[in-house]
Amino acid sequence: MAPSIYKEYDCQFTSESQEINLTLKLKNMIISMQTGIAQVHCFRLLALVILL
């Protein structure tokens, strides 16, 4: 019983980590756009993310 619970927790933890990483990437993109660095590239990445 215990191993399956740990397995579910690991899966949940992994997905949460991926969400955190995605959030950080989005924050970095927003900062880049605000400072005007690689603005067009950021919009292209955002479009790719939306399309995926």
Protein backbone atom coordinates (compact mmCIF):
# COMPACT_ATOMS: atom_id res chain seq x y z
CA MET A 1 0.00 0.00 0.00
CA ALA A 2 2.75 2.43 0.96
CA PRO A 3 4.75 2.24 -2.32
CA SER A 4 1.72 3.23 -4.40
CA ILE A 5 1.07 6.24 -2.17
CA TYR A 6 4.70 7.32 -2.56
CA LYS A 7 4.44 6.82 -6.30
CA GLU A 8 1.36 9.06 -6.51
CA TYR A 9 3.09 11.67 -4.35
CA ASP A 10 6.16 11.60 -6.60
CA CYS A 11 3.98 12.13 -9.68
CA GLN A 12 2.19 15.02 -8.00
CA PHE A 13 5.48 16.56 -6.87
CA THR A 14 6.91 16.26 -10.39
CA SER A 15 3.90 17.98 -11.97
CA GLU A 16 4.05 20.75 -9.36
CA SER A 17 7.75 21.26 -10.07
CA GLN A 18 7.01 21.52 -13.79
CA GLU A 19 4.31 24.12 -13.08
CA ILE A 20 6.76 26.12 -10.96
CA ASN A 21 9.39 25.95 -13.71
CA LEU A 22 6.83 27.09 -16.29
CA THR A 23 5.77 29.97 -14.03
CA LEU A 24 9.40 31.06 -13.63
CA LYS A 25 9.92 30.89 -17.40
CA LEU A 26 6.81 33.03 -17.96
CA LYS A 27 8.01 35.56 -15.36
CA ASN A 28 11.41 35.72 -17.08
CA MET A 29 9.68 36.25 -20.44
CA ILE A 30 7.57 39.08 -19.00
CA ILE A 31 10.69 40.72 -17.51
CA SER A 32 12.42 40.40 -20.90
CA MET A 33 9.47 42.03 -22.65
CA GLN A 34 9.31 44.85 -20.11
CA THR A 35 13.00 45.65 -20.53
CA GLY A 36 12.65 45.37 -24.30
CA ILE A 37 15.21 42.54 -24.62
CA ALA A 38 14.35 40.00 -27.36
CA GLN A 39 10.75 41.24 -27.36
CA VAL A 40 9.80 39.65 -30.68
CA HIS A 41 11.44 36.37 -29.67
CA CYS A 42 9.39 36.30 -26.45
CA PHE A 43 6.16 36.78 -28.37
CA ARG A 44 7.17 33.95 -30.70
CA LEU A 45 7.83 31.66 -27.72
CA LEU A 46 4.50 32.65 -26.18
CA ALA A 47 2.73 31.86 -29.47
CA LEU A 48 4.46 28.46 -29.59
CA VAL A 49 3.38 27.73 -26.01
CA ILE A 50 -0.23 28.67 -26.84
CA LEU A 51 -0.19 26.53 -30.00
CA LEU A 52 1.17 23.53 -28.08
